[in-house]
Amino acid sequence: MKNFTLLILVASLLFQTVLAKNEEQKAVLITGASSGLGKKIAEHLADNGVFVFAGARKQKDIDALSAKKNIQGIRLDVTKQKEIDEAVDFVREQGKGLHGLVNNAGVFVYGPLIEVSEADLQFQMDVNVFGPYRVTKAFAPLIIESKGRITSTGSISGVLMPGSLFGPYAMSKYAVEAYTDALASEMKKFDVHVSVIEPGNFKSDIMKNMRARSEKVLQSTQSLYTDEYKRLEGFTQADRSMQKEPTPVAEAVMDALFSDNPKRRYMVVPNKREADFTMRNQFNRINMLNQGHEFTKSKEELSSFFDAAVKE
């Protein structure tokens, strides 16, 4: 009888331990998790004990994600409000709450702004800008309940001065920057931290996709920017399979979601050249802003602004 009682006690303690562990496991939702950065982020979080609701559009991708430990694939197209609402209901029904939201789903449209079709530009904005807006708005009650975190995948293109043909994509990523700052201010009252991840060039299919689009445009239209398209086509022949895996991006997301001192912005680039180029671009913008008006600052005054900002 004593042995039986002891067995029951041990079993009860084990059950309570497992239950406590399940209650402590934080849940995060990621959009656009079927491939690329989203998939890497989902796998990295799951490998570190986070339960991931991984959004995807195709059933085969949902099934593949669900087969992984700590990942539950869910149908989620960020351009379809019905699927977003159903995803909210599904996550709430699981009873895990929601600690974090990662707005990662994104597309890349490029072309000269005086030629790109309104339909293509609308598609760019619908996914990259209205997607985070729709999804965050829908999941905000769950995030506020948990005093959780929200982060979005931006790009260094959202802070650089965009060159020819990159206007549509850069416009969308600039919008993500403004969205992040405004949302951060508004969510602060609920103890919800908001951040943006700004990746540089990591391993992806973006060059292959860009080249396919470039070839299609050159074959089907009489563009005023044929030379620019041809130059870009040559650039897209670069082998991106040799680029670094986007693991640092996933690590930045982990920090944004779980660090005691998360940052507003995480610039994550694969090398010093991209870091220097991005930072120099910001100083060039400040220099342009400072020129030719009655309140133009001297170099010394600008330096004092920088010193004050760094101290903060």
C-alpha atoms as a PDB file:
ATOM      1  CA  MET A   1       0.000   0.000   0.000  1.00  0.00           C
ATOM      2  CA  LYS A   2       2.878   2.350   0.852  1.00  0.00           C
ATOM      3  CA  ASN A   3       4.514   1.629  -2.500  1.00  0.00           C
ATOM      4  CA  PHE A   4       1.235   2.324  -4.307  1.00  0.00           C
ATOM      5  CA  THR A   5       0.796   5.597  -2.438  1.00  0.00           C
ATOM      6  CA  LEU A   6       4.367   6.594  -3.248  1.00  0.00           C
ATOM      7  CA  LEU A   7       3.784   5.757  -6.907  1.00  0.00           C
ATOM      8  CA  ILE A   8       0.682   7.957  -6.987  1.00  0.00           C
ATOM      9  CA  LEU A   9       2.609  10.797  -5.335  1.00  0.00           C
ATOM     10  CA  VAL A  10       5.472  10.557  -7.829  1.00  0.00           C
ATOM     11  CA  ALA A  11       3.062  10.426 -10.764  1.00  0.00           C
ATOM     12  CA  SER A  12       1.235  13.489  -9.423  1.00  0.00           C
ATOM     13  CA  LEU A  13       4.468  15.429  -9.060  1.00  0.00           C
ATOM     14  CA  LEU A  14       5.546  14.495 -12.572  1.00  0.00           C
ATOM     15  CA  PHE A  15       2.184  15.572 -13.959  1.00  0.00           C
ATOM     16  CA  GLN A  16       2.411  18.902 -12.142  1.00  0.00           C
ATOM     17  CA  THR A  17       5.929  19.412 -13.467  1.00  0.00           C
ATOM     18  CA  VAL A  18       4.851  18.749 -17.053  1.00  0.00           C
ATOM     19  CA  LEU A  19       1.817  20.988 -16.614  1.00  0.00           C
ATOM     20  CA  ALA A  20       3.951  23.798 -15.216  1.00  0.00           C
ATOM     21  CA  LYS A  21       6.378  23.401 -18.093  1.00  0.00           C
ATOM     22  CA  ASN A  22       3.574  23.641 -20.633  1.00  0.00           C
ATOM     23  CA  GLU A  23       2.216  26.727 -18.915  1.00  0.00           C
ATOM     24  CA  GLU A  24       5.652  28.352 -18.959  1.00  0.00           C
ATOM     25  CA  GLN A  25       6.266  27.662 -22.643  1.00  0.00           C
ATOM     26  CA  LYS A  26       5.756  30.907 -24.513  1.00  0.00           C
ATOM     27  CA  ALA A  27       3.847  30.929 -27.802  1.00  0.00           C
ATOM     28  CA  VAL A  28       4.732  33.072 -30.807  1.00  0.00           C
ATOM     29  CA  LEU A  29       3.015  33.523 -34.164  1.00  0.00           C
ATOM     30  CA  ILE A  30       5.054  34.061 -37.334  1.00  0.00           C
ATOM     31  CA  THR A  31       3.620  35.003 -40.709  1.00  0.00           C
ATOM     32  CA  GLY A  32       5.246  33.861 -43.949  1.00  0.00           C
ATOM     33  CA  ALA A  33       6.904  30.880 -42.265  1.00  0.00           C
ATOM     34  CA  SER A  34       6.900  28.430 -45.177  1.00  0.00           C
ATOM     35  CA  SER A  35      10.323  29.396 -46.551  1.00  0.00           C
ATOM     36  CA  GLY A  36      13.263  31.771 -46.323  1.00  0.00           C
ATOM     37  CA  LEU A  37      13.627  33.990 -43.284  1.00  0.00           C
ATOM     38  CA  GLY A  38      10.262  32.983 -41.837  1.00  0.00           C
ATOM     39  CA  LYS A  39      11.102  29.292 -41.867  1.00  0.00           C
ATOM     40  CA  LYS A  40      14.523  29.901 -40.327  1.00  0.00           C
ATOM     41  CA  ILE A  41      12.974  32.076 -37.593  1.00  0.00           C
ATOM     42  CA  ALA A  42      10.305  29.477 -36.837  1.00  0.00           C
ATOM     43  CA  GLU A  43      12.829  26.653 -36.587  1.00  0.00           C
ATOM     44  CA  HIS A  44      15.235  28.685 -34.447  1.00  0.00           C
ATOM     45  CA  LEU A  45      12.528  29.646 -31.962  1.00  0.00           C
ATOM     46  CA  ALA A  46      11.162  26.106 -31.845  1.00  0.00           C
ATOM     47  CA  ASP A  47      14.656  24.655 -31.282  1.00  0.00           C
ATOM     48  CA  ASN A  48      14.959  26.988 -28.304  1.00  0.00           C
ATOM     49  CA  GLY A  49      11.752  25.738 -26.673  1.00  0.00           C
ATOM     50  CA  VAL A  50       9.300  28.327 -27.985  1.00  0.00           C
ATOM     51  CA  PHE A  51       5.955  27.089 -29.285  1.00  0.00           C
ATOM     52  CA  VAL A  52       5.474  28.508 -32.772  1.00  0.00           C
ATOM     53  CA  PHE A  53       2.256  29.072 -34.666  1.00  0.00           C
ATOM     54  CA  ALA A  54       3.693  29.154 -38.190  1.00  0.00           C
ATOM     55  CA  GLY A  55       1.576  30.884 -40.807  1.00  0.00           C
ATOM     56  CA  ALA A  56       1.565  29.596 -44.382  1.00  0.00           C
ATOM     57  CA  ARG A  57      -0.792  29.709 -47.370  1.00  0.00           C
ATOM     58  CA  LYS A  58      -0.453  26.200 -48.833  1.00  0.00           C
ATOM     59  CA  GLN A  59      -1.594  23.004 -47.125  1.00  0.00           C
ATOM     60  CA  LYS A  60       1.615  21.148 -47.986  1.00  0.00           C
ATOM     61  CA  ASP A  61       3.643  23.840 -46.218  1.00  0.00           C
ATOM     62  CA  ILE A  62       1.281  23.800 -43.227  1.00  0.00           C
ATOM     63  CA  ASP A  63       1.705  20.018 -42.932  1.00  0.00           C
ATOM     64  CA  ALA A  64       5.496  20.228 -43.269  1.00  0.00           C
ATOM     65  CA  LEU A  65       5.713  22.864 -40.554  1.00  0.00           C
ATOM     66  CA  SER A  66       3.396  20.940 -38.227  1.00  0.00           C
ATOM     67  CA  ALA A  67       5.645  17.893 -38.504  1.00  0.00           C
ATOM     68  CA  LYS A  68       8.387  19.751 -36.648  1.00  0.00           C
ATOM     69  CA  LYS A  69       8.687  19.770 -32.859  1.00  0.00           C
ATOM     70  CA  ASN A  70       7.166  22.829 -31.153  1.00  0.00           C
ATOM     71  CA  ILE A  71       5.621  24.088 -34.415  1.00  0.00           C
ATOM     72  CA  GLN A  72       1.962  24.192 -35.407  1.00  0.00           C
ATOM     73  CA  GLY A  73       1.356  25.239 -38.981  1.00  0.00           C
ATOM     74  CA  ILE A  74      -1.753  27.335 -39.575  1.00  0.00           C
ATOM     75  CA  ARG A  75      -3.376  28.712 -42.705  1.00  0.00           C
ATOM     76  CA  LEU A  76      -2.678  32.425 -42.826  1.00  0.00           C
ATOM     77  CA  ASP A  77      -2.637  34.659 -45.880  1.00  0.00           C
ATOM     78  CA  VAL A  78      -2.001  38.188 -44.603  1.00  0.00           C
ATOM     79  CA  THR A  79      -4.089  39.669 -47.444  1.00  0.00           C
ATOM     80  CA  LYS A  80      -7.228  37.744 -46.430  1.00  0.00           C
ATOM     81  CA  GLN A  81      -9.081  39.026 -43.374  1.00  0.00           C
ATOM     82  CA  LYS A  82     -11.124  35.820 -43.061  1.00  0.00           C
ATOM     83  CA  GLU A  83      -7.998  33.697 -42.674  1.00  0.00           C
ATOM     84  CA  ILE A  84      -6.539  36.173 -40.190  1.00  0.00           C
ATOM     85  CA  ASP A  85      -9.708  36.075 -38.064  1.00  0.00           C
ATOM     86  CA  GLU A  86      -9.763  32.266 -38.190  1.00  0.00           C
ATOM     87  CA  ALA A  87      -6.100  32.191 -37.125  1.00  0.00           C
ATOM     88  CA  VAL A  88      -6.922  34.383 -34.117  1.00  0.00           C
ATOM     89  CA  ASP A  89      -9.732  32.021 -33.111  1.00  0.00           C
ATOM     90  CA  PHE A  90      -7.465  28.996 -33.538  1.00  0.00           C
ATOM     91  CA  VAL A  91      -4.643  30.452 -31.440  1.00  0.00           C
ATOM     92  CA  ARG A  92      -7.041  31.499 -28.700  1.00  0.00           C
ATOM     93  CA  GLU A  93      -8.604  28.009 -28.628  1.00  0.00           C
ATOM     94  CA  GLN A  94      -5.199  26.406 -27.994  1.00  0.00           C
ATOM     95  CA  GLY A  95      -5.085  28.049 -24.572  1.00  0.00           C
ATOM     96  CA  LYS A  96      -1.402  28.934 -24.732  1.00  0.00           C
ATOM     97  CA  GLY A  97      -1.903  32.669 -24.981  1.00  0.00           C
ATOM     98  CA  LEU A  98       0.366  34.615 -27.318  1.00  0.00           C
ATOM     99  CA  HIS A  99       3.608  36.172 -26.132  1.00  0.00           C
ATOM    100  CA  GLY A 100       4.924  37.323 -29.485  1.00  0.00           C
ATOM    101  CA  LEU A 101       3.940  38.258 -33.018  1.00  0.00           C
ATOM    102  CA  VAL A 102       6.434  38.273 -35.883  1.00  0.00           C
ATOM    103  CA  ASN A 103       5.174  40.054 -39.000  1.00  0.00           C
ATOM    104  CA  ASN A 104       7.464  38.390 -41.497  1.00  0.00           C
ATOM    105  CA  ALA A 105       5.401  37.723 -44.651  1.00  0.00           C
ATOM    106  CA  GLY A 106       6.716  39.815 -47.520  1.00  0.00           C
ATOM    107  CA  VAL A 107       7.067  40.072 -51.296  1.00  0.00           C
ATOM    108  CA  PHE A 108       9.479  41.879 -53.594  1.00  0.00           C
ATOM    109  CA  VAL A 109       8.262  43.977 -56.528  1.00  0.00           C
ATOM    110  CA  TYR A 110      10.675  46.129 -58.481  1.00  0.00           C
ATOM    111  CA  GLY A 111      10.494  48.408 -61.481  1.00  0.00           C
ATOM    112  CA  PRO A 112      10.625  52.102 -62.404  1.00  0.00           C
ATOM    113  CA  LEU A 113       7.993  54.103 -60.567  1.00  0.00           C
ATOM    114  CA  ILE A 114       6.707  55.732 -63.762  1.00  0.00           C
ATOM    115  CA  GLU A 115       6.125  52.307 -65.319  1.00  0.00           C
ATOM    116  CA  VAL A 116       5.258  49.862 -62.553  1.00  0.00           C
ATOM    117  CA  SER A 117       1.586  48.873 -62.762  1.00  0.00           C
ATOM    118  CA  GLU A 118      -0.831  49.975 -60.089  1.00  0.00           C
ATOM    119  CA  ALA A 119      -1.758  46.312 -59.570  1.00  0.00           C
ATOM    120  CA  ASP A 120       1.870  45.377 -58.841  1.00  0.00           C
ATOM    121  CA  LEU A 121       2.360  48.335 -56.511  1.00  0.00           C
ATOM    122  CA  GLN A 122      -0.900  47.513 -54.746  1.00  0.00           C
ATOM    123  CA  PHE A 123       0.265  43.903 -54.291  1.00  0.00           C
ATOM    124  CA  GLN A 124       3.559  45.123 -52.827  1.00  0.00           C
ATOM    125  CA  MET A 125       1.805  47.300 -50.280  1.00  0.00           C
ATOM    126  CA  ASP A 126      -0.982  44.828 -49.584  1.00  0.00           C
ATOM    127  CA  VAL A 127       1.462  42.209 -48.314  1.00  0.00           C
ATOM    128  CA  ASN A 128       4.345  44.251 -46.888  1.00  0.00           C
ATOM    129  CA  VAL A 129       2.395  47.128 -45.303  1.00  0.00           C
ATOM    130  CA  PHE A 130      -1.268  46.231 -44.919  1.00  0.00           C
ATOM    131  CA  GLY A 131      -0.280  42.685 -43.934  1.00  0.00           C
ATOM    132  CA  PRO A 132       1.419  43.739 -40.664  1.00  0.00           C
ATOM    133  CA  TYR A 133      -1.376  46.259 -40.064  1.00  0.00           C
ATOM    134  CA  ARG A 134      -4.133  43.637 -40.447  1.00  0.00           C
ATOM    135  CA  VAL A 135      -2.409  40.882 -38.491  1.00  0.00           C
ATOM    136  CA  THR A 136      -1.253  43.107 -35.623  1.00  0.00           C
ATOM    137  CA  LYS A 137      -4.677  44.692 -35.294  1.00  0.00           C
ATOM    138  CA  ALA A 138      -6.307  41.251 -35.106  1.00  0.00           C
ATOM    139  CA  PHE A 139      -3.864  39.743 -32.610  1.00  0.00           C
ATOM    140  CA  ALA A 140      -3.383  42.889 -30.490  1.00  0.00           C
ATOM    141  CA  PRO A 141      -5.849  41.785 -27.751  1.00  0.00           C
ATOM    142  CA  LEU A 142      -3.889  38.554 -27.193  1.00  0.00           C
ATOM    143  CA  ILE A 143      -0.552  40.386 -27.155  1.00  0.00           C
ATOM    144  CA  ILE A 144      -1.874  43.023 -24.743  1.00  0.00           C
ATOM    145  CA  GLU A 145      -3.188  40.277 -22.445  1.00  0.00           C
ATOM    146  CA  SER A 146       0.294  38.786 -22.171  1.00  0.00           C
ATOM    147  CA  LYS A 147       2.171  42.125 -22.159  1.00  0.00           C
ATOM    148  CA  GLY A 148       4.083  40.559 -25.016  1.00  0.00           C
ATOM    149  CA  ARG A 149       6.202  41.615 -27.954  1.00  0.00           C
ATOM    150  CA  ILE A 150       5.627  42.568 -31.597  1.00  0.00           C
ATOM    151  CA  THR A 151       8.332  42.616 -34.229  1.00  0.00           C
ATOM    152  CA  SER A 152       8.280  43.024 -37.993  1.00  0.00           C
ATOM    153  CA  THR A 153      10.732  42.102 -40.716  1.00  0.00           C
ATOM    154  CA  GLY A 154      11.873  45.290 -42.357  1.00  0.00           C
ATOM    155  CA  SER A 155      15.044  45.647 -44.423  1.00  0.00           C
ATOM    156  CA  ILE A 156      18.076  47.864 -44.737  1.00  0.00           C
ATOM    157  CA  SER A 157      16.189  48.976 -47.879  1.00  0.00           C
ATOM    158  CA  GLY A 158      13.857  50.741 -45.474  1.00  0.00           C
ATOM    159  CA  VAL A 159      16.614  53.133 -44.396  1.00  0.00           C
ATOM    160  CA  LEU A 160      18.756  53.358 -47.530  1.00  0.00           C
ATOM    161  CA  MET A 161      18.215  55.846 -50.347  1.00  0.00           C
ATOM    162  CA  PRO A 162      16.762  53.516 -52.989  1.00  0.00           C
ATOM    163  CA  GLY A 163      18.241  53.349 -56.465  1.00  0.00           C
ATOM    164  CA  SER A 164      16.608  52.730 -59.833  1.00  0.00           C
ATOM    165  CA  LEU A 165      13.932  50.009 -59.931  1.00  0.00           C
ATOM    166  CA  PHE A 166      13.917  49.487 -56.163  1.00  0.00           C
ATOM    167  CA  GLY A 167      11.276  52.127 -55.427  1.00  0.00           C
ATOM    168  CA  PRO A 168       8.238  49.857 -54.830  1.00  0.00           C
ATOM    169  CA  TYR A 169      10.038  47.574 -52.372  1.00  0.00           C
ATOM    170  CA  ALA A 170      11.815  50.421 -50.578  1.00  0.00           C
ATOM    171  CA  MET A 171       8.540  52.330 -50.230  1.00  0.00           C
ATOM    172  CA  SER A 172       6.994  49.345 -48.454  1.00  0.00           C
ATOM    173  CA  LYS A 173       9.941  48.908 -46.115  1.00  0.00           C
ATOM    174  CA  TYR A 174      10.091  52.632 -45.322  1.00  0.00           C
ATOM    175  CA  ALA A 175       6.440  52.286 -44.307  1.00  0.00           C
ATOM    176  CA  VAL A 176       7.341  49.421 -41.961  1.00  0.00           C
ATOM    177  CA  GLU A 177       9.846  51.725 -40.253  1.00  0.00           C
ATOM    178  CA  ALA A 178       7.196  54.404 -39.624  1.00  0.00           C
ATOM    179  CA  TYR A 179       4.673  51.752 -38.610  1.00  0.00           C
ATOM    180  CA  THR A 180       7.104  50.381 -36.029  1.00  0.00           C
ATOM    181  CA  ASP A 181       7.772  53.756 -34.411  1.00  0.00           C
ATOM    182  CA  ALA A 182       4.106  54.759 -34.231  1.00  0.00           C
ATOM    183  CA  LEU A 183       3.011  51.352 -32.950  1.00  0.00           C
ATOM    184  CA  ALA A 184       5.787  51.335 -30.343  1.00  0.00           C
ATOM    185  CA  SER A 185       4.549  54.648 -28.978  1.00  0.00           C
ATOM    186  CA  GLU A 186       0.940  53.456 -28.882  1.00  0.00           C
ATOM    187  CA  MET A 187       1.644  50.047 -27.316  1.00  0.00           C
ATOM    188  CA  LYS A 188       3.954  51.350 -24.604  1.00  0.00           C
ATOM    189  CA  LYS A 189       0.974  52.077 -22.327  1.00  0.00           C
ATOM    190  CA  PHE A 190       0.195  48.332 -22.368  1.00  0.00           C
ATOM    191  CA  ASP A 191       3.813  47.287 -21.608  1.00  0.00           C
ATOM    192  CA  VAL A 192       4.090  45.791 -25.093  1.00  0.00           C
ATOM    193  CA  HIS A 193       7.474  46.278 -26.770  1.00  0.00           C
ATOM    194  CA  VAL A 194       7.625  46.788 -30.543  1.00  0.00           C
ATOM    195  CA  SER A 195      10.680  46.369 -32.760  1.00  0.00           C
ATOM    196  CA  VAL A 196      11.790  45.952 -36.362  1.00  0.00           C
ATOM    197  CA  ILE A 197      14.429  43.633 -37.792  1.00  0.00           C
ATOM    198  CA  GLU A 198      16.411  45.138 -40.682  1.00  0.00           C
ATOM    199  CA  PRO A 199      18.216  42.352 -42.559  1.00  0.00           C
ATOM    200  CA  GLY A 200      20.837  42.799 -45.228  1.00  0.00           C
ATOM    201  CA  ASN A 201      21.679  40.247 -47.907  1.00  0.00           C
ATOM    202  CA  PHE A 202      21.547  36.677 -46.687  1.00  0.00           C
ATOM    203  CA  LYS A 203      20.985  33.376 -48.486  1.00  0.00           C
ATOM    204  CA  SER A 204      17.645  33.433 -50.313  1.00  0.00           C
ATOM    205  CA  ASP A 205      15.896  32.990 -53.664  1.00  0.00           C
ATOM    206  CA  ILE A 206      15.419  36.720 -54.142  1.00  0.00           C
ATOM    207  CA  MET A 207      17.996  37.035 -56.931  1.00  0.00           C
ATOM    208  CA  LYS A 208      16.506  34.136 -58.868  1.00  0.00           C
ATOM    209  CA  ASN A 209      13.052  35.651 -58.540  1.00  0.00           C
ATOM    210  CA  MET A 210      14.314  39.095 -59.554  1.00  0.00           C
ATOM    211  CA  ARG A 211      16.014  37.702 -62.658  1.00  0.00           C
ATOM    212  CA  ALA A 212      12.861  35.871 -63.751  1.00  0.00           C
ATOM    213  CA  ARG A 213      10.838  39.065 -63.428  1.00  0.00           C
ATOM    214  CA  SER A 214      13.478  41.110 -65.248  1.00  0.00           C
ATOM    215  CA  GLU A 215      13.517  38.696 -68.208  1.00  0.00           C
ATOM    216  CA  LYS A 216       9.715  38.800 -68.395  1.00  0.00           C
ATOM    217  CA  VAL A 217       9.646  42.611 -68.443  1.00  0.00           C
ATOM    218  CA  LEU A 218      12.329  42.845 -71.125  1.00  0.00           C
ATOM    219  CA  GLN A 219      10.460  40.406 -73.351  1.00  0.00           C
ATOM    220  CA  SER A 220       7.008  41.924 -72.980  1.00  0.00           C
ATOM    221  CA  THR A 221       7.408  45.723 -72.788  1.00  0.00           C
ATOM    222  CA  GLN A 222       9.141  48.690 -74.368  1.00  0.00           C
ATOM    223  CA  SER A 223      10.579  50.107 -71.174  1.00  0.00           C
ATOM    224  CA  LEU A 224      12.399  53.416 -70.965  1.00  0.00           C
ATOM    225  CA  TYR A 225      14.696  51.677 -68.500  1.00  0.00           C
ATOM    226  CA  THR A 226      16.014  48.804 -70.625  1.00  0.00           C
ATOM    227  CA  ASP A 227      19.614  49.527 -69.671  1.00  0.00           C
ATOM    228  CA  GLU A 228      18.753  49.512 -65.941  1.00  0.00           C
ATOM    229  CA  TYR A 229      16.875  46.220 -66.297  1.00  0.00           C
ATOM    230  CA  LYS A 230      19.817  44.655 -68.141  1.00  0.00           C
ATOM    231  CA  ARG A 231      22.275  45.812 -65.491  1.00  0.00           C
ATOM    232  CA  LEU A 232      20.045  44.431 -62.774  1.00  0.00           C
ATOM    233  CA  GLU A 233      19.642  41.175 -64.680  1.00  0.00           C
ATOM    234  CA  GLY A 234      23.408  40.796 -64.728  1.00  0.00           C
ATOM    235  CA  PHE A 235      23.526  41.524 -61.003  1.00  0.00           C
ATOM    236  CA  THR A 236      20.860  38.898 -60.286  1.00  0.00           C
ATOM    237  CA  GLN A 237      23.013  36.190 -61.837  1.00  0.00           C
ATOM    238  CA  ALA A 238      25.104  36.256 -58.680  1.00  0.00           C
ATOM    239  CA  ASP A 239      24.908  32.961 -56.822  1.00  0.00           C
ATOM    240  CA  ARG A 240      23.044  33.707 -53.589  1.00  0.00           C
ATOM    241  CA  SER A 241      23.443  30.104 -52.454  1.00  0.00           C
ATOM    242  CA  MET A 242      26.932  31.093 -51.339  1.00  0.00           C
ATOM    243  CA  GLN A 243      25.616  33.827 -49.042  1.00  0.00           C
ATOM    244  CA  LYS A 244      25.453  33.298 -45.303  1.00  0.00           C
ATOM    245  CA  GLU A 245      22.495  31.502 -43.767  1.00  0.00           C
ATOM    246  CA  PRO A 246      20.088  33.971 -42.108  1.00  0.00           C
ATOM    247  CA  THR A 247      20.693  32.531 -38.639  1.00  0.00           C
ATOM    248  CA  PRO A 248      21.718  35.965 -37.238  1.00  0.00           C
ATOM    249  CA  VAL A 249      18.321  37.297 -38.312  1.00  0.00           C
ATOM    250  CA  ALA A 250      16.572  34.543 -36.366  1.00  0.00           C
ATOM    251  CA  GLU A 251      18.779  35.286 -33.350  1.00  0.00           C
ATOM    252  CA  ALA A 252      17.817  38.963 -33.550  1.00  0.00           C
ATOM    253  CA  VAL A 253      14.132  37.994 -33.533  1.00  0.00           C
ATOM    254  CA  MET A 254      14.766  35.820 -30.463  1.00  0.00           C
ATOM    255  CA  ASP A 255      16.350  38.773 -28.697  1.00  0.00           C
ATOM    256  CA  ALA A 256      13.531  41.117 -29.684  1.00  0.00           C
ATOM    257  CA  LEU A 257      10.945  38.693 -28.308  1.00  0.00           C
ATOM    258  CA  PHE A 258      12.640  37.552 -25.108  1.00  0.00           C
ATOM    259  CA  SER A 259      15.454  39.899 -24.067  1.00  0.00           C
ATOM    260  CA  ASP A 260      15.029  41.875 -20.855  1.00  0.00           C
ATOM    261  CA  ASN A 261      16.281  44.907 -22.795  1.00  0.00           C
ATOM    262  CA  PRO A 262      15.007  44.579 -26.378  1.00  0.00           C
ATOM    263  CA  LYS A 263      16.002  47.195 -28.943  1.00  0.00           C
ATOM    264  CA  ARG A 264      13.691  49.154 -31.221  1.00  0.00           C
ATOM    265  CA  ARG A 265      15.843  48.370 -34.278  1.00  0.00           C
ATOM    266  CA  TYR A 266      18.022  45.407 -35.154  1.00  0.00           C
ATOM    267  CA  MET A 267      20.188  45.965 -38.216  1.00  0.00           C
ATOM    268  CA  VAL A 268      21.489  42.510 -39.148  1.00  0.00           C
ATOM    269  CA  VAL A 269      23.939  42.368 -42.051  1.00  0.00           C
ATOM    270  CA  PRO A 270      26.361  39.628 -43.135  1.00  0.00           C
ATOM    271  CA  ASN A 271      29.510  41.728 -43.417  1.00  0.00           C
ATOM    272  CA  LYS A 272      31.209  45.021 -42.557  1.00  0.00           C
ATOM    273  CA  ARG A 273      30.768  46.379 -46.088  1.00  0.00           C
ATOM    274  CA  GLU A 274      26.971  46.297 -45.821  1.00  0.00           C
ATOM    275  CA  ALA A 275      27.073  47.740 -42.307  1.00  0.00           C
ATOM    276  CA  ASP A 276      29.316  50.631 -43.381  1.00  0.00           C
ATOM    277  CA  PHE A 277      27.250  51.293 -46.506  1.00  0.00           C
ATOM    278  CA  THR A 278      24.014  51.444 -44.518  1.00  0.00           C
ATOM    279  CA  MET A 279      25.398  53.706 -41.811  1.00  0.00           C
ATOM    280  CA  ARG A 280      27.115  56.020 -44.311  1.00  0.00           C
ATOM    281  CA  ASN A 281      23.808  56.309 -46.138  1.00  0.00           C
ATOM    282  CA  GLN A 282      22.163  57.586 -42.971  1.00  0.00           C
ATOM    283  CA  PHE A 283      24.814  60.256 -42.481  1.00  0.00           C
ATOM    284  CA  ASN A 284      24.456  61.315 -46.116  1.00  0.00           C
ATOM    285  CA  ARG A 285      20.725  61.764 -45.559  1.00  0.00           C
ATOM    286  CA  ILE A 286      21.349  63.902 -42.462  1.00  0.00           C
ATOM    287  CA  ASN A 287      23.819  66.003 -44.443  1.00  0.00           C
ATOM    288  CA  MET A 288      21.208  66.588 -47.157  1.00  0.00           C
ATOM    289  CA  LEU A 289      18.620  67.510 -44.524  1.00  0.00           C
ATOM    290  CA  ASN A 290      21.038  70.004 -42.996  1.00  0.00           C
ATOM    291  CA  GLN A 291      21.845  71.912 -46.177  1.00  0.00           C
ATOM    292  CA  GLY A 292      20.574  75.249 -47.469  1.00  0.00           C
ATOM    293  CA  HIS A 293      18.292  76.671 -44.784  1.00  0.00           C
ATOM    294  CA  GLU A 294      18.577  79.277 -42.034  1.00  0.00           C
ATOM    295  CA  PHE A 295      18.987  76.666 -39.322  1.00  0.00           C
ATOM    296  CA  THR A 296      21.838  74.736 -40.969  1.00  0.00           C
ATOM    297  CA  LYS A 297      24.168  73.290 -38.351  1.00  0.00           C
ATOM    298  CA  SER A 298      27.944  73.342 -38.363  1.00  0.00           C
ATOM    299  CA  LYS A 299      29.918  70.121 -38.286  1.00  0.00           C
ATOM    300  CA  GLU A 300      30.624  70.727 -34.603  1.00  0.00           C
ATOM    301  CA  GLU A 301      26.925  71.209 -33.823  1.00  0.00           C
ATOM    302  CA  LEU A 302      26.033  68.020 -35.703  1.00  0.00           C
ATOM    303  CA  SER A 303      28.708  66.189 -33.742  1.00  0.00           C
ATOM    304  CA  SER A 304      27.178  67.388 -30.480  1.00  0.00           C
ATOM    305  CA  PHE A 305      23.794  65.994 -31.592  1.00  0.00           C
ATOM    306  CA  PHE A 306      25.447  62.661 -32.328  1.00  0.00           C
ATOM    307  CA  ASP A 307      27.267  62.619 -28.988  1.00  0.00           C
ATOM    308  CA  ALA A 308      24.012  63.288 -27.141  1.00  0.00           C
ATOM    309  CA  ALA A 309      22.207  60.529 -29.038  1.00  0.00           C
ATOM    310  CA  VAL A 310      24.947  57.985 -28.329  1.00  0.00           C
ATOM    311  CA  LYS A 311      24.908  58.786 -24.613  1.00  0.00           C
ATOM    312  CA  GLU A 312      21.192  58.009 -24.554  1.00  0.00           C
END
